[in-house]
């Protein structure tokens, strides 16, 4: 039995040395429950993709956002905290 050696190519991606954290995400604990947060902050808190979040909203596993403008939605902080199981 002959075993041939197969070259393996590894791709190394350049990751930024410092990832920017949205200001609202950094101060999430200080936000009042009545405040609203937008999609990037929710994604940062959940740690999932946009598609996964919308699937969870559709399936009732995560609260639906509120329409706050003609083309703008946001989540109420108190509802996100409850869904994430964070003490308020």
PDB file of N, CA and C in Angstrom:
ATOM      1  N   UNK A   1       0.845  -1.165   0.000  1.00  0.00           N
ATOM      2  CA  UNK A   1       0.000   0.000   0.000  1.00  0.00           C
ATOM      3  C   UNK A   1       0.895   1.233   0.000  1.00  0.00           C
ATOM      4  N   UNK A   2       0.749   2.063  -1.010  1.00  0.00           N
ATOM      5  CA  UNK A   2       1.507   3.307  -1.111  1.00  0.00           C
ATOM      6  C   UNK A   2       0.680   4.466  -0.574  1.00  0.00           C
ATOM      7  N   UNK A   3       1.306   5.238   0.244  1.00  0.00           N
ATOM      8  CA  UNK A   3       0.645   6.442   0.756  1.00  0.00           C
ATOM      9  C   UNK A   3       1.389   7.628   0.171  1.00  0.00           C
ATOM     10  N   UNK A   4       0.664   8.400  -0.601  1.00  0.00           N
ATOM     11  CA  UNK A   4       1.277   9.581  -1.201  1.00  0.00           C
ATOM     12  C   UNK A   4       1.131  10.754  -0.250  1.00  0.00           C
ATOM     13  N   UNK A   5       2.123  11.593  -0.238  1.00  0.00           N
ATOM     14  CA  UNK A   5       2.016  12.792   0.586  1.00  0.00           C
ATOM     15  C   UNK A   5       1.247  13.850  -0.205  1.00  0.00           C
ATOM     16  N   UNK A   6       0.323  14.448   0.456  1.00  0.00           N
ATOM     17  CA  UNK A   6      -0.505  15.478  -0.154  1.00  0.00           C
ATOM     18  C   UNK A   6      -0.167  16.806   0.499  1.00  0.00           C
ATOM     19  N   UNK A   7       0.221  17.781  -0.312  1.00  0.00           N
ATOM     20  CA  UNK A   7       0.534  19.090   0.296  1.00  0.00           C
ATOM     21  C   UNK A   7      -0.742  19.736   0.830  1.00  0.00           C
ATOM     22  N   UNK A   8      -0.637  20.348   1.970  1.00  0.00           N
ATOM     23  CA  UNK A   8      -1.761  21.030   2.593  1.00  0.00           C
ATOM     24  C   UNK A   8      -1.482  22.521   2.564  1.00  0.00           C
ATOM     25  N   UNK A   9      -2.451  23.259   2.089  1.00  0.00           N
ATOM     26  CA  UNK A   9      -2.318  24.706   2.041  1.00  0.00           C
ATOM     27  C   UNK A   9      -3.211  25.309   3.107  1.00  0.00           C
ATOM     28  N   UNK A  10      -2.643  26.102   3.962  1.00  0.00           N
ATOM     29  CA  UNK A  10      -3.401  26.782   4.997  1.00  0.00           C
ATOM     30  C   UNK A  10      -3.500  28.255   4.637  1.00  0.00           C
ATOM     31  N   UNK A  11      -4.683  28.774   4.712  1.00  0.00           N
ATOM     32  CA  UNK A  11      -4.869  30.198   4.464  1.00  0.00           C
ATOM     33  C   UNK A  11      -4.916  30.910   5.803  1.00  0.00           C
ATOM     34  N   UNK A  12      -4.151  31.942   5.916  1.00  0.00           N
ATOM     35  CA  UNK A  12      -4.144  32.736   7.132  1.00  0.00           C
ATOM     36  C   UNK A  12      -4.808  34.065   6.806  1.00  0.00           C
ATOM     37  N   UNK A  13      -5.841  34.378   7.559  1.00  0.00           N
ATOM     38  CA  UNK A  13      -6.562  35.623   7.336  1.00  0.00           C
ATOM     39  C   UNK A  13      -6.015  36.689   8.275  1.00  0.00           C
ATOM     40  N   UNK A  14      -5.883  37.864   7.751  1.00  0.00           N
ATOM     41  CA  UNK A  14      -5.434  38.977   8.583  1.00  0.00           C
ATOM     42  C   UNK A  14      -6.599  39.459   9.429  1.00  0.00           C
ATOM     43  N   UNK A  15      -6.488  39.278  10.721  1.00  0.00           N
ATOM     44  CA  UNK A  15      -7.515  39.744  11.638  1.00  0.00           C
ATOM     45  C   UNK A  15      -7.063  41.084  12.199  1.00  0.00           C
ATOM     46  N   UNK A  16      -7.988  42.007  12.360  1.00  0.00           N
ATOM     47  CA  UNK A  16      -7.588  43.280  12.946  1.00  0.00           C
ATOM     48  C   UNK A  16      -7.085  43.061  14.369  1.00  0.00           C
ATOM     49  N   UNK A  17      -6.042  43.772  14.708  1.00  0.00           N
ATOM     50  CA  UNK A  17      -5.453  43.611  16.031  1.00  0.00           C
ATOM     51  C   UNK A  17      -6.443  44.029  17.118  1.00  0.00           C
ATOM     52  N   UNK A  18      -7.278  44.981  16.783  1.00  0.00           N
ATOM     53  CA  UNK A  18      -8.231  45.471  17.764  1.00  0.00           C
ATOM     54  C   UNK A  18      -9.585  45.625  17.094  1.00  0.00           C
ATOM     55  N   UNK A  19     -10.569  44.905  17.552  1.00  0.00           N
ATOM     56  CA  UNK A  19     -11.899  44.960  16.970  1.00  0.00           C
ATOM     57  C   UNK A  19     -12.681  46.072  17.650  1.00  0.00           C
ATOM     58  N   UNK A  20     -13.340  46.896  16.845  1.00  0.00           N
ATOM     59  CA  UNK A  20     -14.132  47.983  17.388  1.00  0.00           C
ATOM     60  C   UNK A  20     -15.417  47.443  18.009  1.00  0.00           C
ATOM     61  N   UNK A  21     -15.715  47.858  19.215  1.00  0.00           N
ATOM     62  CA  UNK A  21     -16.959  47.473  19.878  1.00  0.00           C
ATOM     63  C   UNK A  21     -17.879  48.686  19.818  1.00  0.00           C
ATOM     64  N   UNK A  22     -19.092  48.502  19.260  1.00  0.00           N
ATOM     65  CA  UNK A  22     -20.016  49.631  19.216  1.00  0.00           C
ATOM     66  C   UNK A  22     -20.227  50.205  20.611  1.00  0.00           C
ATOM     67  N   UNK A  23     -20.343  51.516  20.689  1.00  0.00           N
ATOM     68  CA  UNK A  23     -20.495  52.194  21.975  1.00  0.00           C
ATOM     69  C   UNK A  23     -21.722  51.682  22.732  1.00  0.00           C
ATOM     70  N   UNK A  24     -22.818  51.443  22.021  1.00  0.00           N
ATOM     71  CA  UNK A  24     -24.033  50.945  22.674  1.00  0.00           C
ATOM     72  C   UNK A  24     -23.824  49.547  23.244  1.00  0.00           C
ATOM     73  N   UNK A  25     -23.004  48.734  22.570  1.00  0.00           N
ATOM     74  CA  UNK A  25     -22.729  47.390  23.070  1.00  0.00           C
ATOM     75  C   UNK A  25     -21.865  47.460  24.321  1.00  0.00           C
ATOM     76  N   UNK A  26     -20.891  48.350  24.322  1.00  0.00           N
ATOM     77  CA  UNK A  26     -20.016  48.495  25.481  1.00  0.00           C
ATOM     78  C   UNK A  26     -20.798  49.010  26.688  1.00  0.00           C
ATOM     79  N   UNK A  27     -21.816  49.851  26.461  1.00  0.00           N
ATOM     80  CA  UNK A  27     -22.580  50.417  27.561  1.00  0.00           C
ATOM     81  C   UNK A  27     -23.947  49.784  27.733  1.00  0.00           C
ATOM     82  N   UNK A  28     -24.135  48.564  27.244  1.00  0.00           N
ATOM     83  CA  UNK A  28     -25.442  47.904  27.285  1.00  0.00           C
ATOM     84  C   UNK A  28     -25.966  47.775  28.711  1.00  0.00           C
ATOM     85  N   UNK A  29     -25.098  47.494  29.662  1.00  0.00           N
ATOM     86  CA  UNK A  29     -25.529  47.307  31.048  1.00  0.00           C
ATOM     87  C   UNK A  29     -26.077  48.591  31.664  1.00  0.00           C
ATOM     88  N   UNK A  30     -25.641  49.733  31.156  1.00  0.00           N
ATOM     89  CA  UNK A  30     -26.086  51.014  31.709  1.00  0.00           C
ATOM     90  C   UNK A  30     -27.332  51.566  31.018  1.00  0.00           C
ATOM     91  N   UNK A  31     -27.763  50.949  29.926  1.00  0.00           N
ATOM     92  CA  UNK A  31     -28.928  51.451  29.201  1.00  0.00           C
ATOM     93  C   UNK A  31     -30.205  51.168  29.994  1.00  0.00           C
ATOM     94  N   UNK A  32     -31.149  52.121  29.979  1.00  0.00           N
ATOM     95  CA  UNK A  32     -32.432  51.847  30.634  1.00  0.00           C
ATOM     96  C   UNK A  32     -33.222  50.812  29.839  1.00  0.00           C
ATOM     97  N   UNK A  33     -34.123  50.123  30.489  1.00  0.00           N
ATOM     98  CA  UNK A  33     -34.916  49.092  29.833  1.00  0.00           C
ATOM     99  C   UNK A  33     -35.795  49.621  28.720  1.00  0.00           C
ATOM    100  N   UNK A  34     -36.114  50.906  28.767  1.00  0.00           N
ATOM    101  CA  UNK A  34     -36.986  51.499  27.757  1.00  0.00           C
ATOM    102  C   UNK A  34     -36.225  51.935  26.504  1.00  0.00           C
ATOM    103  N   UNK A  35     -34.906  51.844  26.521  1.00  0.00           N
ATOM    104  CA  UNK A  35     -34.085  52.258  25.372  1.00  0.00           C
ATOM    105  C   UNK A  35     -34.218  51.246  24.241  1.00  0.00           C
ATOM    106  N   UNK A  36     -33.853  51.668  23.050  1.00  0.00           N
ATOM    107  CA  UNK A  36     -33.878  50.796  21.884  1.00  0.00           C
ATOM    108  C   UNK A  36     -32.453  50.570  21.385  1.00  0.00           C
ATOM    109  N   UNK A  37     -32.184  49.377  20.880  1.00  0.00           N
ATOM    110  CA  UNK A  37     -30.891  49.075  20.271  1.00  0.00           C
ATOM    111  C   UNK A  37     -31.121  48.530  18.878  1.00  0.00           C
ATOM    112  N   UNK A  38     -30.160  48.805  17.998  1.00  0.00           N
ATOM    113  CA  UNK A  38     -30.287  48.406  16.603  1.00  0.00           C
ATOM    114  C   UNK A  38     -29.640  47.045  16.362  1.00  0.00           C
ATOM    115  N   UNK A  39     -29.766  46.564  15.148  1.00  0.00           N
ATOM    116  CA  UNK A  39     -29.331  45.223  14.772  1.00  0.00           C
ATOM    117  C   UNK A  39     -27.866  44.911  15.098  1.00  0.00           C
ATOM    118  N   UNK A  40     -26.897  45.794  14.782  1.00  0.00           N
ATOM    119  CA  UNK A  40     -25.494  45.434  15.079  1.00  0.00           C
ATOM    120  C   UNK A  40     -25.247  45.140  16.561  1.00  0.00           C
ATOM    121  N   UNK A  41     -25.927  45.856  17.435  1.00  0.00           N
ATOM    122  CA  UNK A  41     -25.750  45.629  18.870  1.00  0.00           C
ATOM    123  C   UNK A  41     -26.370  44.297  19.274  1.00  0.00           C
ATOM    124  N   UNK A  42     -27.559  44.001  18.746  1.00  0.00           N
ATOM    125  CA  UNK A  42     -28.209  42.726  19.055  1.00  0.00           C
ATOM    126  C   UNK A  42     -27.347  41.565  18.573  1.00  0.00           C
ATOM    127  N   UNK A  43     -26.794  41.700  17.373  1.00  0.00           N
ATOM    128  CA  UNK A  43     -25.917  40.645  16.852  1.00  0.00           C
ATOM    129  C   UNK A  43     -24.686  40.465  17.733  1.00  0.00           C
ATOM    130  N   UNK A  44     -24.136  41.565  18.215  1.00  0.00           N
ATOM    131  CA  UNK A  44     -22.984  41.484  19.107  1.00  0.00           C
ATOM    132  C   UNK A  44     -23.318  40.805  20.424  1.00  0.00           C
ATOM    133  N   UNK A  45     -24.497  41.088  20.940  1.00  0.00           N
ATOM    134  CA  UNK A  45     -24.913  40.464  22.198  1.00  0.00           C
ATOM    135  C   UNK A  45     -25.220  38.981  22.020  1.00  0.00           C
ATOM    136  N   UNK A  46     -25.873  38.636  20.916  1.00  0.00           N
ATOM    137  CA  UNK A  46     -26.251  37.246  20.656  1.00  0.00           C
ATOM    138  C   UNK A  46     -25.068  36.408  20.184  1.00  0.00           C
ATOM    139  N   UNK A  47     -24.164  37.021  19.449  1.00  0.00           N
ATOM    140  CA  UNK A  47     -23.034  36.263  18.910  1.00  0.00           C
ATOM    141  C   UNK A  47     -23.450  35.322  17.801  1.00  0.00           C
ATOM    142  N   UNK A  48     -24.411  35.738  16.994  1.00  0.00           N
ATOM    143  CA  UNK A  48     -24.868  34.902  15.891  1.00  0.00           C
ATOM    144  C   UNK A  48     -24.944  35.741  14.622  1.00  0.00           C
ATOM    145  N   UNK A  49     -25.256  35.086  13.529  1.00  0.00           N
ATOM    146  CA  UNK A  49     -25.351  35.802  12.258  1.00  0.00           C
ATOM    147  C   UNK A  49     -26.705  36.478  12.138  1.00  0.00           C
ATOM    148  N   UNK A  50     -26.786  37.383  11.186  1.00  0.00           N
ATOM    149  CA  UNK A  50     -28.021  38.101  10.895  1.00  0.00           C
ATOM    150  C   UNK A  50     -29.137  37.117  10.513  1.00  0.00           C
ATOM    151  N   UNK A  51     -28.798  36.134   9.691  1.00  0.00           N
ATOM    152  CA  UNK A  51     -29.782  35.151   9.236  1.00  0.00           C
ATOM    153  C   UNK A  51     -30.307  34.335  10.415  1.00  0.00           C
ATOM    154  N   UNK A  52     -29.421  33.918  11.295  1.00  0.00           N
ATOM    155  CA  UNK A  52     -29.827  33.140  12.467  1.00  0.00           C
ATOM    156  C   UNK A  52     -30.751  33.956  13.365  1.00  0.00           C
ATOM    157  N   UNK A  53     -30.420  35.226  13.569  1.00  0.00           N
ATOM    158  CA  UNK A  53     -31.262  36.079  14.415  1.00  0.00           C
ATOM    159  C   UNK A  53     -32.670  36.190  13.827  1.00  0.00           C
ATOM    160  N   UNK A  54     -32.772  36.481  12.532  1.00  0.00           N
ATOM    161  CA  UNK A  54     -34.094  36.627  11.919  1.00  0.00           C
ATOM    162  C   UNK A  54     -34.858  35.301  11.921  1.00  0.00           C
ATOM    163  N   UNK A  55     -34.155  34.193  11.800  1.00  0.00           N
ATOM    164  CA  UNK A  55     -34.814  32.883  11.884  1.00  0.00           C
ATOM    165  C   UNK A  55     -35.384  32.683  13.281  1.00  0.00           C
ATOM    166  N   UNK A  56     -34.631  33.079  14.306  1.00  0.00           N
ATOM    167  CA  UNK A  56     -35.108  32.947  15.683  1.00  0.00           C
ATOM    168  C   UNK A  56     -36.299  33.859  15.950  1.00  0.00           C
ATOM    169  N   UNK A  57     -36.302  35.036  15.352  1.00  0.00           N
ATOM    170  CA  UNK A  57     -37.452  35.940  15.481  1.00  0.00           C
ATOM    171  C   UNK A  57     -38.673  35.294  14.835  1.00  0.00           C
ATOM    172  N   UNK A  58     -38.491  34.759  13.637  1.00  0.00           N
ATOM    173  CA  UNK A  58     -39.590  34.106  12.909  1.00  0.00           C
ATOM    174  C   UNK A  58     -40.155  32.922  13.688  1.00  0.00           C
ATOM    175  N   UNK A  59     -39.272  32.141  14.332  1.00  0.00           N
ATOM    176  CA  UNK A  59     -39.686  30.955  15.081  1.00  0.00           C
ATOM    177  C   UNK A  59     -40.176  31.278  16.495  1.00  0.00           C
ATOM    178  N   UNK A  60     -40.133  32.556  16.883  1.00  0.00           N
ATOM    179  CA  UNK A  60     -40.588  32.946  18.211  1.00  0.00           C
ATOM    180  C   UNK A  60     -39.585  32.691  19.310  1.00  0.00           C
ATOM    181  N   UNK A  61     -38.325  32.444  18.951  1.00  0.00           N
ATOM    182  CA  UNK A  61     -37.281  32.179  19.946  1.00  0.00           C
ATOM    183  C   UNK A  61     -36.602  33.453  20.442  1.00  0.00           C
ATOM    184  N   UNK A  62     -36.825  34.558  19.740  1.00  0.00           N
ATOM    185  CA  UNK A  62     -36.255  35.848  20.118  1.00  0.00           C
ATOM    186  C   UNK A  62     -37.319  36.897  19.818  1.00  0.00           C
ATOM    187  N   UNK A  63     -37.425  37.943  20.654  1.00  0.00           N
ATOM    188  CA  UNK A  63     -38.484  38.935  20.432  1.00  0.00           C
ATOM    189  C   UNK A  63     -38.333  39.659  19.094  1.00  0.00           C
ATOM    190  N   UNK A  64     -39.467  40.003  18.511  1.00  0.00           N
ATOM    191  CA  UNK A  64     -39.469  40.749  17.260  1.00  0.00           C
ATOM    192  C   UNK A  64     -39.117  42.209  17.544  1.00  0.00           C
ATOM    193  N   UNK A  65     -38.475  42.860  16.597  1.00  0.00           N
ATOM    194  CA  UNK A  65     -38.142  44.271  16.794  1.00  0.00           C
ATOM    195  C   UNK A  65     -39.382  45.156  16.642  1.00  0.00           C
ATOM    196  N   UNK A  66     -39.250  46.384  17.087  1.00  0.00           N
ATOM    197  CA  UNK A  66     -40.308  47.387  16.955  1.00  0.00           C
ATOM    198  C   UNK A  66     -39.962  48.280  15.773  1.00  0.00           C
ATOM    199  N   UNK A  67     -40.949  48.665  15.019  1.00  0.00           N
ATOM    200  CA  UNK A  67     -40.742  49.557  13.894  1.00  0.00           C
ATOM    201  C   UNK A  67     -40.667  50.980  14.441  1.00  0.00           C
ATOM    202  N   UNK A  68     -39.537  51.637  14.269  1.00  0.00           N
ATOM    203  CA  UNK A  68     -39.365  52.987  14.806  1.00  0.00           C
ATOM    204  C   UNK A  68     -39.229  54.037  13.701  1.00  0.00           C
ATOM    205  N   UNK A  69     -39.382  53.606  12.476  1.00  0.00           N
ATOM    206  CA  UNK A  69     -39.315  54.516  11.342  1.00  0.00           C
ATOM    207  C   UNK A  69     -39.817  53.817  10.104  1.00  0.00           C
ATOM    208  N   UNK A  70     -39.831  54.537   8.989  1.00  0.00           N
ATOM    209  CA  UNK A  70     -40.323  53.959   7.743  1.00  0.00           C
ATOM    210  C   UNK A  70     -39.518  52.723   7.337  1.00  0.00           C
ATOM    211  N   UNK A  71     -38.206  52.789   7.527  1.00  0.00           N
ATOM    212  CA  UNK A  71     -37.341  51.664   7.161  1.00  0.00           C
ATOM    213  C   UNK A  71     -36.368  51.325   8.277  1.00  0.00           C
ATOM    214  N   UNK A  72     -36.839  51.440   9.517  1.00  0.00           N
ATOM    215  CA  UNK A  72     -35.949  51.249  10.653  1.00  0.00           C
ATOM    216  C   UNK A  72     -36.645  50.448  11.746  1.00  0.00           C
ATOM    217  N   UNK A  73     -35.954  49.429  12.243  1.00  0.00           N
ATOM    218  CA  UNK A  73     -36.462  48.654  13.370  1.00  0.00           C
ATOM    219  C   UNK A  73     -35.403  48.620  14.467  1.00  0.00           C
ATOM    220  N   UNK A  74     -35.868  48.404  15.698  1.00  0.00           N
ATOM    221  CA  UNK A  74     -34.953  48.309  16.838  1.00  0.00           C
ATOM    222  C   UNK A  74     -35.614  47.456  17.912  1.00  0.00           C
ATOM    223  N   UNK A  75     -34.794  46.932  18.788  1.00  0.00           N
ATOM    224  CA  UNK A  75     -35.271  46.088  19.883  1.00  0.00           C
ATOM    225  C   UNK A  75     -35.248  46.881  21.175  1.00  0.00           C
ATOM    226  N   UNK A  76     -36.251  46.673  22.021  1.00  0.00           N
ATOM    227  CA  UNK A  76     -36.286  47.305  23.340  1.00  0.00           C
ATOM    228  C   UNK A  76     -35.304  46.547  24.238  1.00  0.00           C
ATOM    229  N   UNK A  77     -34.487  47.281  24.958  1.00  0.00           N
ATOM    230  CA  UNK A  77     -33.433  46.705  25.799  1.00  0.00           C
ATOM    231  C   UNK A  77     -34.016  45.710  26.807  1.00  0.00           C
ATOM    232  N   UNK A  78     -35.145  46.054  27.423  1.00  0.00           N
ATOM    233  CA  UNK A  78     -35.731  45.161  28.434  1.00  0.00           C
ATOM    234  C   UNK A  78     -36.119  43.811  27.825  1.00  0.00           C
ATOM    235  N   UNK A  79     -36.625  43.814  26.588  1.00  0.00           N
ATOM    236  CA  UNK A  79     -37.010  42.562  25.929  1.00  0.00           C
ATOM    237  C   UNK A  79     -35.789  41.721  25.556  1.00  0.00           C
ATOM    238  N   UNK A  80     -34.733  42.390  25.134  1.00  0.00           N
ATOM    239  CA  UNK A  80     -33.489  41.676  24.793  1.00  0.00           C
ATOM    240  C   UNK A  80     -32.871  41.073  26.047  1.00  0.00           C
ATOM    241  N   UNK A  81     -32.862  41.831  27.119  1.00  0.00           N
ATOM    242  CA  UNK A  81     -32.322  41.303  28.379  1.00  0.00           C
ATOM    243  C   UNK A  81     -33.103  40.078  28.843  1.00  0.00           C
ATOM    244  N   UNK A  82     -34.424  40.139  28.729  1.00  0.00           N
ATOM    245  CA  UNK A  82     -35.257  39.001  29.134  1.00  0.00           C
ATOM    246  C   UNK A  82     -34.970  37.784  28.246  1.00  0.00           C
ATOM    247  N   UNK A  83     -34.814  38.005  26.951  1.00  0.00           N
ATOM    248  CA  UNK A  83     -34.543  36.897  26.025  1.00  0.00           C
ATOM    249  C   UNK A  83     -33.170  36.289  26.267  1.00  0.00           C
ATOM    250  N   UNK A  84     -32.228  37.115  26.659  1.00  0.00           N
ATOM    251  CA  UNK A  84     -30.871  36.616  26.913  1.00  0.00           C
ATOM    252  C   UNK A  84     -30.720  36.065  28.325  1.00  0.00           C
ATOM    253  N   UNK A  85     -31.713  36.290  29.158  1.00  0.00           N
ATOM    254  CA  UNK A  85     -31.641  35.804  30.542  1.00  0.00           C
ATOM    255  C   UNK A  85     -30.719  36.636  31.406  1.00  0.00           C
ATOM    256  N   UNK A  86     -30.581  37.905  31.069  1.00  0.00           N
ATOM    257  CA  UNK A  86     -29.726  38.820  31.844  1.00  0.00           C
ATOM    258  C   UNK A  86     -30.552  39.446  32.961  1.00  0.00           C
ATOM    259  N   UNK A  87     -30.013  39.464  34.169  1.00  0.00           N
ATOM    260  CA  UNK A  87     -30.702  40.095  35.277  1.00  0.00           C
ATOM    261  C   UNK A  87     -30.850  41.588  35.026  1.00  0.00           C
ATOM    262  N   UNK A  88     -32.039  42.120  35.330  1.00  0.00           N
ATOM    263  CA  UNK A  88     -32.283  43.553  35.074  1.00  0.00           C
ATOM    264  C   UNK A  88     -32.152  44.365  36.321  1.00  0.00           C
TER     265      UNK A  88
END
